[in-house]
Amino acid sequence: MARGLARDHDEKRAALRKGAATYFAAHGFDRASMTGAAKSCGVSKALIYHYWSSKEDLLFDILDDHLGALLDVVETSRNAGIRGLIRAILTQYEDADAEHKLQIDALGVLPADRQKPLIETQKRLVQIMSDAVLLVQPDLAQDGARLRAATMSVFAVLNWFYMWHRPGRDMDRAAYADLATDFALGGLRAL
């Protein structure tokens, strides 16, 4: 008789995913190991391998979970205008600095077939932001290159927040969301 999943299976998996993401981001995915991830999480290497068969499988799961949760929040906030969208993204990024860093630094190490669904999710996120940008500056619909540049510029203001923000020393996320929105709106309206 096959054993069922433990009641806390999903919670354990999420905690291991979070711990491994922090470890991979701190050490660089290419230099990190499953042994190091296990040690960093305070578990055995056998337990890590119980959940993932390889370091790449673990990376995929980290990125898939991170991007999937972000897409869920963005889809839910898409009708809240650019202000609501920016606030939702920055809120979702909270406590996800490691996952975000891995998305930027390590997605490209996955095989193409594993990258594809993640890139599709990224494209969907960009499309939703692009739609919000067009609501602010409809003239951009006439120039796809400028629309893409404007959309990616909004993401740039959001995506690098983790690099410089120091909780307790800098403004909080809500205040930064307002500043980032005012910055984006001012720039878009000036185009």
N, C-alpha and C. Protein backbone atom coordinates (compact mmCIF):
# COMPACT_ATOMS: atom_id res chain seq x y z
N MET A 1 0.84 -1.18 0.00
CA MET A 1 0.00 0.00 0.00
C MET A 1 0.88 1.24 0.00
N ALA A 2 0.65 2.12 -0.93
CA ALA A 2 1.45 3.33 -1.06
C ALA A 2 1.14 4.29 0.08
N ARG A 3 2.21 4.95 0.55
CA ARG A 3 2.03 5.96 1.60
C ARG A 3 1.47 7.23 0.99
N GLY A 4 0.55 7.86 1.69
CA GLY A 4 0.01 9.14 1.24
C GLY A 4 0.95 10.27 1.60
N LEU A 5 0.61 11.44 1.15
CA LEU A 5 1.41 12.61 1.47
C LEU A 5 1.18 13.02 2.92
N ALA A 6 2.22 13.48 3.55
CA ALA A 6 2.10 14.00 4.91
C ALA A 6 1.19 15.23 4.90
N ARG A 7 0.53 15.46 6.02
CA ARG A 7 -0.39 16.60 6.10
C ARG A 7 0.33 17.93 5.86
N ASP A 8 1.58 17.99 6.26
CA ASP A 8 2.32 19.23 6.11
C ASP A 8 3.25 19.23 4.88
N HIS A 9 2.98 18.35 3.93
CA HIS A 9 3.82 18.22 2.74
C HIS A 9 4.01 19.56 2.03
N ASP A 10 2.93 20.26 1.74
CA ASP A 10 3.01 21.53 1.00
C ASP A 10 3.77 22.59 1.79
N GLU A 11 3.55 22.63 3.10
CA GLU A 11 4.25 23.61 3.93
C GLU A 11 5.75 23.32 3.98
N LYS A 12 6.10 22.03 4.12
CA LYS A 12 7.53 21.66 4.12
C LYS A 12 8.17 22.02 2.78
N ARG A 13 7.47 21.68 1.72
CA ARG A 13 8.01 21.97 0.39
C ARG A 13 8.21 23.47 0.19
N ALA A 14 7.24 24.27 0.62
CA ALA A 14 7.35 25.72 0.50
C ALA A 14 8.51 26.25 1.33
N ALA A 15 8.69 25.74 2.54
CA ALA A 15 9.79 26.19 3.39
C ALA A 15 11.14 25.81 2.78
N LEU A 16 11.23 24.61 2.24
CA LEU A 16 12.48 24.19 1.58
C LEU A 16 12.75 25.02 0.34
N ARG A 17 11.70 25.30 -0.42
CA ARG A 17 11.84 26.13 -1.63
C ARG A 17 12.37 27.51 -1.23
N LYS A 18 11.80 28.09 -0.18
CA LYS A 18 12.21 29.43 0.28
C LYS A 18 13.66 29.40 0.76
N GLY A 19 14.00 28.41 1.57
CA GLY A 19 15.38 28.30 2.07
C GLY A 19 16.38 28.08 0.95
N ALA A 20 16.04 27.23 0.01
CA ALA A 20 16.94 26.97 -1.12
C ALA A 20 17.09 28.22 -1.99
N ALA A 21 16.02 28.95 -2.19
CA ALA A 21 16.10 30.18 -2.99
C ALA A 21 17.07 31.17 -2.33
N THR A 22 16.97 31.31 -1.03
CA THR A 22 17.86 32.21 -0.30
C THR A 22 19.31 31.75 -0.44
N TYR A 23 19.53 30.47 -0.29
CA TYR A 23 20.88 29.91 -0.44
C TYR A 23 21.41 30.10 -1.86
N PHE A 24 20.61 29.75 -2.87
CA PHE A 24 21.05 29.89 -4.27
C PHE A 24 21.35 31.34 -4.61
N ALA A 25 20.50 32.25 -4.17
CA ALA A 25 20.70 33.67 -4.48
C ALA A 25 21.97 34.20 -3.81
N ALA A 26 22.24 33.75 -2.60
CA ALA A 26 23.41 34.24 -1.87
C ALA A 26 24.72 33.69 -2.44
N HIS A 27 24.71 32.46 -2.92
CA HIS A 27 25.94 31.81 -3.37
C HIS A 27 26.09 31.75 -4.89
N GLY A 28 25.05 32.11 -5.61
CA GLY A 28 25.07 31.97 -7.06
C GLY A 28 24.66 30.56 -7.42
N PHE A 29 23.66 30.44 -8.28
CA PHE A 29 23.12 29.13 -8.60
C PHE A 29 24.19 28.20 -9.16
N ASP A 30 25.06 28.72 -10.00
CA ASP A 30 26.07 27.87 -10.63
C ASP A 30 27.08 27.32 -9.61
N ARG A 31 27.32 28.04 -8.52
CA ARG A 31 28.28 27.59 -7.51
C ARG A 31 27.61 26.84 -6.36
N ALA A 32 26.29 26.90 -6.28
CA ALA A 32 25.55 26.27 -5.19
C ALA A 32 25.36 24.78 -5.45
N SER A 33 25.08 24.04 -4.38
CA SER A 33 24.86 22.60 -4.51
C SER A 33 23.61 22.21 -3.73
N MET A 34 23.11 21.04 -4.04
CA MET A 34 21.96 20.51 -3.30
C MET A 34 22.38 20.23 -1.85
N THR A 35 23.61 19.80 -1.64
CA THR A 35 24.10 19.57 -0.29
C THR A 35 24.09 20.88 0.49
N GLY A 36 24.57 21.94 -0.13
CA GLY A 36 24.56 23.25 0.52
C GLY A 36 23.15 23.75 0.78
N ALA A 37 22.24 23.50 -0.16
CA ALA A 37 20.84 23.91 0.02
C ALA A 37 20.24 23.17 1.21
N ALA A 38 20.50 21.87 1.29
CA ALA A 38 19.98 21.07 2.40
C ALA A 38 20.54 21.59 3.72
N LYS A 39 21.83 21.81 3.77
CA LYS A 39 22.48 22.30 4.99
C LYS A 39 21.91 23.67 5.37
N SER A 40 21.73 24.53 4.40
CA SER A 40 21.17 25.86 4.64
C SER A 40 19.74 25.78 5.19
N CYS A 41 18.99 24.79 4.74
CA CYS A 41 17.61 24.60 5.19
C CYS A 41 17.52 23.81 6.49
N GLY A 42 18.65 23.26 6.94
CA GLY A 42 18.65 22.48 8.17
C GLY A 42 18.03 21.11 8.03
N VAL A 43 18.13 20.55 6.82
CA VAL A 43 17.57 19.21 6.57
C VAL A 43 18.63 18.34 5.89
N SER A 44 18.31 17.09 5.75
CA SER A 44 19.23 16.18 5.08
C SER A 44 19.15 16.36 3.56
N LYS A 45 20.23 15.98 2.91
CA LYS A 45 20.24 15.99 1.45
C LYS A 45 19.18 15.03 0.91
N ALA A 46 18.95 13.93 1.61
CA ALA A 46 17.93 12.96 1.19
C ALA A 46 16.55 13.60 1.18
N LEU A 47 16.27 14.48 2.14
CA LEU A 47 14.96 15.13 2.16
C LEU A 47 14.80 16.07 0.97
N ILE A 48 15.84 16.81 0.65
CA ILE A 48 15.77 17.69 -0.53
C ILE A 48 15.49 16.84 -1.78
N TYR A 49 16.20 15.73 -1.89
CA TYR A 49 16.01 14.86 -3.06
C TYR A 49 14.66 14.13 -3.02
N HIS A 50 14.03 14.07 -1.87
CA HIS A 50 12.68 13.52 -1.79
C HIS A 50 11.71 14.41 -2.57
N TYR A 51 11.95 15.71 -2.53
CA TYR A 51 11.05 16.66 -3.19
C TYR A 51 11.48 16.99 -4.62
N TRP A 52 12.78 17.04 -4.89
CA TRP A 52 13.28 17.42 -6.22
C TRP A 52 14.40 16.48 -6.63
N SER A 53 14.38 16.08 -7.88
CA SER A 53 15.38 15.11 -8.35
C SER A 53 16.70 15.76 -8.75
N SER A 54 16.71 17.08 -8.90
CA SER A 54 17.94 17.76 -9.29
C SER A 54 17.89 19.23 -8.87
N LYS A 55 19.04 19.84 -8.91
CA LYS A 55 19.14 21.27 -8.60
C LYS A 55 18.32 22.08 -9.60
N GLU A 56 18.30 21.67 -10.85
CA GLU A 56 17.53 22.37 -11.88
C GLU A 56 16.03 22.22 -11.64
N ASP A 57 15.59 21.04 -11.18
CA ASP A 57 14.18 20.85 -10.85
C ASP A 57 13.77 21.77 -9.70
N LEU A 58 14.64 21.90 -8.72
CA LEU A 58 14.37 22.79 -7.60
C LEU A 58 14.31 24.24 -8.07
N LEU A 59 15.26 24.65 -8.92
CA LEU A 59 15.23 26.01 -9.46
C LEU A 59 13.95 26.26 -10.24
N PHE A 60 13.57 25.32 -11.08
CA PHE A 60 12.33 25.48 -11.84
C PHE A 60 11.14 25.66 -10.89
N ASP A 61 11.07 24.84 -9.86
CA ASP A 61 9.96 24.93 -8.92
C ASP A 61 9.95 26.29 -8.20
N ILE A 62 11.11 26.76 -7.81
CA ILE A 62 11.21 28.08 -7.16
C ILE A 62 10.67 29.16 -8.10
N LEU A 63 11.14 29.16 -9.34
CA LEU A 63 10.75 30.20 -10.30
C LEU A 63 9.29 30.06 -10.72
N ASP A 64 8.84 28.83 -10.91
CA ASP A 64 7.45 28.61 -11.29
C ASP A 64 6.51 29.08 -10.19
N ASP A 65 6.84 28.78 -8.95
CA ASP A 65 6.01 29.22 -7.83
C ASP A 65 6.03 30.75 -7.72
N HIS A 66 7.20 31.34 -7.82
CA HIS A 66 7.36 32.80 -7.70
C HIS A 66 6.59 33.52 -8.81
N LEU A 67 6.82 33.12 -10.04
CA LEU A 67 6.16 33.79 -11.16
C LEU A 67 4.67 33.50 -11.19
N GLY A 68 4.27 32.29 -10.83
CA GLY A 68 2.86 31.95 -10.79
C GLY A 68 2.10 32.78 -9.77
N ALA A 69 2.69 32.95 -8.58
CA ALA A 69 2.05 33.77 -7.54
C ALA A 69 1.99 35.23 -7.99
N LEU A 70 3.05 35.70 -8.64
CA LEU A 70 3.06 37.08 -9.14
C LEU A 70 1.98 37.27 -10.20
N LEU A 71 1.86 36.32 -11.11
CA LEU A 71 0.84 36.42 -12.15
C LEU A 71 -0.57 36.42 -11.54
N ASP A 72 -0.79 35.59 -10.54
CA ASP A 72 -2.10 35.57 -9.89
C ASP A 72 -2.45 36.94 -9.33
N VAL A 73 -1.50 37.57 -8.65
CA VAL A 73 -1.73 38.89 -8.05
C VAL A 73 -1.94 39.94 -9.14
N VAL A 74 -1.15 39.88 -10.18
CA VAL A 74 -1.25 40.86 -11.27
C VAL A 74 -2.58 40.68 -12.01
N GLU A 75 -2.99 39.45 -12.27
CA GLU A 75 -4.28 39.21 -12.93
C GLU A 75 -5.42 39.78 -12.07
N THR A 76 -5.34 39.58 -10.78
CA THR A 76 -6.37 40.08 -9.87
C THR A 76 -6.39 41.61 -9.83
N SER A 77 -5.23 42.24 -10.01
CA SER A 77 -5.11 43.70 -9.89
C SER A 77 -5.16 44.44 -11.22
N ARG A 78 -5.32 43.73 -12.29
CA ARG A 78 -5.21 44.35 -13.62
C ARG A 78 -6.22 45.45 -13.85
N ASN A 79 -7.37 45.43 -13.19
CA ASN A 79 -8.38 46.47 -13.38
C ASN A 79 -8.26 47.60 -12.37
N ALA A 80 -7.21 47.59 -11.57
CA ALA A 80 -7.01 48.62 -10.54
C ALA A 80 -6.17 49.79 -11.06
N GLY A 81 -5.90 49.82 -12.36
CA GLY A 81 -5.07 50.89 -12.93
C GLY A 81 -3.61 50.66 -12.62
N ILE A 82 -2.79 51.53 -13.16
CA ILE A 82 -1.35 51.35 -13.00
C ILE A 82 -0.93 51.48 -11.54
N ARG A 83 -1.61 52.35 -10.78
CA ARG A 83 -1.27 52.50 -9.36
C ARG A 83 -1.52 51.20 -8.60
N GLY A 84 -2.67 50.61 -8.82
CA GLY A 84 -2.98 49.35 -8.14
C GLY A 84 -2.08 48.22 -8.59
N LEU A 85 -1.73 48.21 -9.85
CA LEU A 85 -0.84 47.18 -10.40
C LEU A 85 0.55 47.29 -9.80
N ILE A 86 1.09 48.50 -9.76
CA ILE A 86 2.42 48.71 -9.18
C ILE A 86 2.43 48.33 -7.71
N ARG A 87 1.42 48.75 -6.98
CA ARG A 87 1.34 48.41 -5.55
C ARG A 87 1.28 46.89 -5.36
N ALA A 88 0.48 46.22 -6.17
CA ALA A 88 0.34 44.77 -6.06
C ALA A 88 1.67 44.06 -6.35
N ILE A 89 2.38 44.53 -7.36
CA ILE A 89 3.67 43.91 -7.71
C ILE A 89 4.67 44.10 -6.59
N LEU A 90 4.79 45.32 -6.09
CA LEU A 90 5.76 45.57 -5.02
C LEU A 90 5.40 44.82 -3.74
N THR A 91 4.13 44.70 -3.47
CA THR A 91 3.69 43.92 -2.30
C THR A 91 4.05 42.45 -2.48
N GLN A 92 3.82 41.92 -3.68
CA GLN A 92 4.14 40.51 -3.95
C GLN A 92 5.64 40.27 -3.91
N TYR A 93 6.43 41.27 -4.28
CA TYR A 93 7.89 41.13 -4.24
C TYR A 93 8.44 41.08 -2.82
N GLU A 94 7.65 41.54 -1.83
CA GLU A 94 8.13 41.55 -0.45
C GLU A 94 8.46 40.13 -0.02
N ASP A 95 9.60 39.98 0.60
CA ASP A 95 10.09 38.67 1.06
C ASP A 95 10.37 37.71 -0.10
N ALA A 96 10.49 38.23 -1.31
CA ALA A 96 10.80 37.38 -2.46
C ALA A 96 12.06 37.86 -3.18
N ASP A 97 12.92 38.56 -2.44
CA ASP A 97 14.14 39.08 -3.07
C ASP A 97 15.00 37.96 -3.66
N ALA A 98 15.13 36.87 -2.94
CA ALA A 98 15.96 35.76 -3.43
C ALA A 98 15.37 35.16 -4.70
N GLU A 99 14.07 34.94 -4.69
CA GLU A 99 13.41 34.38 -5.87
C GLU A 99 13.54 35.33 -7.06
N HIS A 100 13.39 36.60 -6.78
CA HIS A 100 13.50 37.60 -7.85
C HIS A 100 14.92 37.63 -8.42
N LYS A 101 15.90 37.56 -7.54
CA LYS A 101 17.30 37.54 -7.99
C LYS A 101 17.55 36.30 -8.84
N LEU A 102 17.02 35.16 -8.43
CA LEU A 102 17.19 33.94 -9.23
C LEU A 102 16.51 34.05 -10.58
N GLN A 103 15.35 34.69 -10.61
CA GLN A 103 14.65 34.89 -11.88
C GLN A 103 15.54 35.66 -12.84
N ILE A 104 16.19 36.68 -12.34
CA ILE A 104 17.05 37.52 -13.17
C ILE A 104 18.35 36.79 -13.55
N ASP A 105 18.96 36.13 -12.56
CA ASP A 105 20.30 35.57 -12.74
C ASP A 105 20.35 34.14 -13.27
N ALA A 106 19.35 33.32 -12.95
CA ALA A 106 19.51 31.88 -13.18
C ALA A 106 18.51 31.25 -14.13
N LEU A 107 17.46 31.94 -14.52
CA LEU A 107 16.47 31.33 -15.41
C LEU A 107 17.15 30.76 -16.66
N GLY A 108 18.13 31.43 -17.16
CA GLY A 108 18.80 31.03 -18.39
C GLY A 108 19.60 29.74 -18.29
N VAL A 109 19.84 29.23 -17.09
CA VAL A 109 20.58 27.96 -16.98
C VAL A 109 19.68 26.75 -17.18
N LEU A 110 18.38 26.97 -17.11
CA LEU A 110 17.45 25.85 -17.31
C LEU A 110 17.41 25.47 -18.78
N PRO A 111 17.14 24.19 -19.08
CA PRO A 111 16.97 23.79 -20.48
C PRO A 111 15.81 24.56 -21.12
N ALA A 112 15.84 24.71 -22.41
CA ALA A 112 14.85 25.51 -23.12
C ALA A 112 13.42 25.09 -22.83
N ASP A 113 13.17 23.78 -22.73
CA ASP A 113 11.81 23.32 -22.47
C ASP A 113 11.33 23.69 -21.06
N ARG A 114 12.25 23.88 -20.12
CA ARG A 114 11.88 24.31 -18.76
C ARG A 114 11.76 25.82 -18.69
N GLN A 115 12.53 26.52 -19.53
CA GLN A 115 12.44 27.98 -19.57
C GLN A 115 11.12 28.45 -20.18
N LYS A 116 10.65 27.70 -21.17
CA LYS A 116 9.50 28.15 -21.96
C LYS A 116 8.28 28.54 -21.13
N PRO A 117 7.79 27.70 -20.22
CA PRO A 117 6.60 28.12 -19.47
C PRO A 117 6.86 29.33 -18.56
N LEU A 118 8.08 29.44 -18.07
CA LEU A 118 8.42 30.59 -17.23
C LEU A 118 8.46 31.87 -18.05
N ILE A 119 9.03 31.77 -19.24
CA ILE A 119 9.08 32.94 -20.13
C ILE A 119 7.68 33.32 -20.58
N GLU A 120 6.82 32.34 -20.80
CA GLU A 120 5.42 32.64 -21.15
C GLU A 120 4.73 33.40 -20.02
N THR A 121 5.00 33.02 -18.79
CA THR A 121 4.44 33.75 -17.65
C THR A 121 4.98 35.17 -17.61
N GLN A 122 6.28 35.32 -17.84
CA GLN A 122 6.85 36.67 -17.89
C GLN A 122 6.20 37.51 -18.98
N LYS A 123 5.99 36.91 -20.14
CA LYS A 123 5.35 37.64 -21.24
C LYS A 123 3.94 38.09 -20.87
N ARG A 124 3.23 37.23 -20.15
CA ARG A 124 1.87 37.59 -19.72
C ARG A 124 1.92 38.76 -18.74
N LEU A 125 2.88 38.76 -17.85
CA LEU A 125 3.05 39.87 -16.92
C LEU A 125 3.34 41.17 -17.68
N VAL A 126 4.21 41.08 -18.67
CA VAL A 126 4.55 42.26 -19.48
C VAL A 126 3.32 42.75 -20.24
N GLN A 127 2.53 41.84 -20.78
CA GLN A 127 1.33 42.24 -21.51
C GLN A 127 0.35 42.98 -20.63
N ILE A 128 0.16 42.51 -19.42
CA ILE A 128 -0.77 43.17 -18.50
C ILE A 128 -0.26 44.57 -18.16
N MET A 129 1.04 44.70 -17.91
CA MET A 129 1.60 46.02 -17.63
C MET A 129 1.50 46.91 -18.86
N SER A 130 1.75 46.34 -20.02
CA SER A 130 1.64 47.10 -21.27
C SER A 130 0.23 47.65 -21.45
N ASP A 131 -0.77 46.85 -21.13
CA ASP A 131 -2.16 47.31 -21.21
C ASP A 131 -2.39 48.48 -20.25
N ALA A 132 -1.81 48.40 -19.06
CA ALA A 132 -1.95 49.50 -18.08
C ALA A 132 -1.24 50.75 -18.57
N VAL A 133 -0.08 50.58 -19.18
CA VAL A 133 0.66 51.71 -19.74
C VAL A 133 -0.16 52.39 -20.83
N LEU A 134 -0.79 51.60 -21.68
CA LEU A 134 -1.61 52.16 -22.76
C LEU A 134 -2.82 52.95 -22.23
N LEU A 135 -3.33 52.57 -21.09
CA LEU A 135 -4.43 53.35 -20.51
C LEU A 135 -3.97 54.74 -20.09
N VAL A 136 -2.70 54.86 -19.72
CA VAL A 136 -2.14 56.16 -19.34
C VAL A 136 -1.72 56.94 -20.57
N GLN A 137 -1.10 56.24 -21.54
CA GLN A 137 -0.57 56.92 -22.73
C GLN A 137 -1.00 56.14 -23.98
N PRO A 138 -2.25 56.35 -24.43
CA PRO A 138 -2.76 55.59 -25.58
C PRO A 138 -1.98 55.83 -26.87
N ASP A 139 -1.28 56.96 -26.99
CA ASP A 139 -0.52 57.23 -28.21
C ASP A 139 0.58 56.20 -28.46
N LEU A 140 1.00 55.50 -27.41
CA LEU A 140 2.04 54.49 -27.57
C LEU A 140 1.57 53.30 -28.39
N ALA A 141 0.27 53.15 -28.57
CA ALA A 141 -0.26 52.04 -29.38
C ALA A 141 0.22 52.13 -30.82
N GLN A 142 0.62 53.31 -31.25
CA GLN A 142 1.07 53.53 -32.62
C GLN A 142 2.53 53.14 -32.84
N ASP A 143 3.26 52.90 -31.75
CA ASP A 143 4.69 52.61 -31.86
C ASP A 143 5.06 51.49 -30.88
N GLY A 144 5.07 50.27 -31.39
CA GLY A 144 5.33 49.10 -30.56
C GLY A 144 6.66 49.14 -29.84
N ALA A 145 7.69 49.69 -30.48
CA ALA A 145 9.00 49.75 -29.85
C ALA A 145 8.98 50.68 -28.64
N ARG A 146 8.32 51.82 -28.79
CA ARG A 146 8.23 52.76 -27.66
C ARG A 146 7.33 52.21 -26.55
N LEU A 147 6.28 51.51 -26.92
CA LEU A 147 5.40 50.90 -25.93
C LEU A 147 6.18 49.87 -25.11
N ARG A 148 6.93 49.03 -25.79
CA ARG A 148 7.75 48.03 -25.08
C ARG A 148 8.77 48.71 -24.19
N ALA A 149 9.43 49.73 -24.69
CA ALA A 149 10.44 50.43 -23.89
C ALA A 149 9.79 51.09 -22.66
N ALA A 150 8.64 51.70 -22.84
CA ALA A 150 7.95 52.33 -21.71
C ALA A 150 7.52 51.29 -20.69
N THR A 151 6.98 50.18 -21.17
CA THR A 151 6.54 49.10 -20.27
C THR A 151 7.72 48.53 -19.48
N MET A 152 8.80 48.25 -20.17
CA MET A 152 9.96 47.68 -19.49
C MET A 152 10.61 48.69 -18.55
N SER A 153 10.48 49.97 -18.85
CA SER A 153 10.99 51.00 -17.94
C SER A 153 10.21 51.01 -16.62
N VAL A 154 8.89 50.80 -16.70
CA VAL A 154 8.10 50.70 -15.48
C VAL A 154 8.58 49.49 -14.67
N PHE A 155 8.77 48.36 -15.33
CA PHE A 155 9.27 47.18 -14.62
C PHE A 155 10.65 47.43 -14.03
N ALA A 156 11.49 48.18 -14.72
CA ALA A 156 12.83 48.47 -14.20
C ALA A 156 12.75 49.20 -12.87
N VAL A 157 11.83 50.13 -12.76
CA VAL A 157 11.66 50.88 -11.51
C VAL A 157 11.24 49.94 -10.38
N LEU A 158 10.50 48.90 -10.71
CA LEU A 158 10.02 47.95 -9.70
C LEU A 158 11.01 46.82 -9.44
N ASN A 159 11.60 46.29 -10.49
CA ASN A 159 12.39 45.08 -10.37
C ASN A 159 13.71 45.25 -9.63
N TRP A 160 14.25 46.44 -9.60
CA TRP A 160 15.54 46.64 -8.95
C TRP A 160 15.41 47.16 -7.53
N PHE A 161 14.19 47.28 -7.04
CA PHE A 161 13.93 47.74 -5.69
C PHE A 161 14.71 46.92 -4.66
N TYR A 162 14.77 45.62 -4.87
CA TYR A 162 15.45 44.74 -3.91
C TYR A 162 16.93 45.03 -3.80
N MET A 163 17.53 45.64 -4.83
CA MET A 163 18.97 45.89 -4.83
C MET A 163 19.38 47.00 -3.87
N TRP A 164 18.55 48.00 -3.73
CA TRP A 164 18.96 49.14 -2.93
C TRP A 164 18.14 49.33 -1.66
N HIS A 165 16.94 48.77 -1.60
CA HIS A 165 16.05 49.00 -0.46
C HIS A 165 16.56 48.31 0.80
N ARG A 166 16.59 49.05 1.89
CA ARG A 166 16.97 48.51 3.18
C ARG A 166 15.81 48.74 4.15
N PRO A 167 15.06 47.69 4.47
CA PRO A 167 13.91 47.85 5.37
C PRO A 167 14.32 48.54 6.68
N GLY A 168 13.51 49.47 7.11
CA GLY A 168 13.80 50.20 8.33
C GLY A 168 14.67 51.42 8.13
N ARG A 169 15.38 51.49 7.01
CA ARG A 169 16.24 52.64 6.72
C ARG A 169 15.68 53.48 5.58
N ASP A 170 15.01 52.85 4.65
CA ASP A 170 14.45 53.54 3.50
C ASP A 170 12.93 53.61 3.66
N MET A 171 12.28 54.25 2.70
CA MET A 171 10.82 54.30 2.74
C MET A 171 10.25 52.89 2.63
N ASP A 172 9.04 52.70 3.14
CA ASP A 172 8.43 51.38 3.07
C ASP A 172 7.88 51.13 1.65
N ARG A 173 7.46 49.92 1.41
CA ARG A 173 7.00 49.53 0.07
C ARG A 173 5.80 50.33 -0.40
N ALA A 174 4.87 50.60 0.51
CA ALA A 174 3.68 51.36 0.11
C ALA A 174 4.06 52.77 -0.33
N ALA A 175 4.95 53.40 0.41
CA ALA A 175 5.40 54.75 0.03
C ALA A 175 6.17 54.71 -1.28
N TYR A 176 7.00 53.67 -1.44
CA TYR A 176 7.74 53.55 -2.69
C TYR A 176 6.79 53.25 -3.85
N ALA A 177 5.77 52.48 -3.61
CA ALA A 177 4.78 52.20 -4.67
C ALA A 177 4.15 53.49 -5.15
N ASP A 178 3.81 54.39 -4.23
CA ASP A 178 3.25 55.69 -4.62
C ASP A 178 4.27 56.51 -5.40
N LEU A 179 5.52 56.55 -4.92
CA LEU A 179 6.57 57.30 -5.62
C LEU A 179 6.80 56.71 -7.02
N ALA A 180 6.90 55.40 -7.11
CA ALA A 180 7.14 54.74 -8.39
C ALA A 180 5.99 54.99 -9.36
N THR A 181 4.76 54.99 -8.84
CA THR A 181 3.60 55.24 -9.69
C THR A 181 3.61 56.68 -10.18
N ASP A 182 3.87 57.62 -9.28
CA ASP A 182 3.93 59.03 -9.69
C ASP A 182 5.03 59.25 -10.73
N PHE A 183 6.15 58.58 -10.52
CA PHE A 183 7.27 58.66 -11.47
C PHE A 183 6.86 58.10 -12.84
N ALA A 184 6.22 56.92 -12.82
CA ALA A 184 5.78 56.30 -14.08
C ALA A 184 4.72 57.14 -14.76
N LEU A 185 3.73 57.60 -14.01
CA LEU A 185 2.68 58.42 -14.61
C LEU A 185 3.23 59.70 -15.20
N GLY A 186 4.12 60.36 -14.48
CA GLY A 186 4.72 61.58 -15.00
C GLY A 186 5.49 61.34 -16.29
N GLY A 187 6.27 60.27 -16.29
CA GLY A 187 7.04 59.95 -17.50
C GLY A 187 6.16 59.56 -18.67
N LEU A 188 5.16 58.74 -18.41
CA LEU A 188 4.26 58.30 -19.49
C LEU A 188 3.45 59.45 -20.06
N ARG A 189 2.98 60.30 -19.19
CA ARG A 189 2.18 61.44 -19.68
C ARG A 189 3.03 62.44 -20.47
N ALA A 190 4.32 62.47 -20.21
CA ALA A 190 5.22 63.39 -20.91
C ALA A 190 5.60 62.88 -22.30
N LEU A 191 5.33 61.62 -22.57
CA LEU A 191 5.72 61.06 -23.88
C LEU A 191 4.86 61.63 -25.00
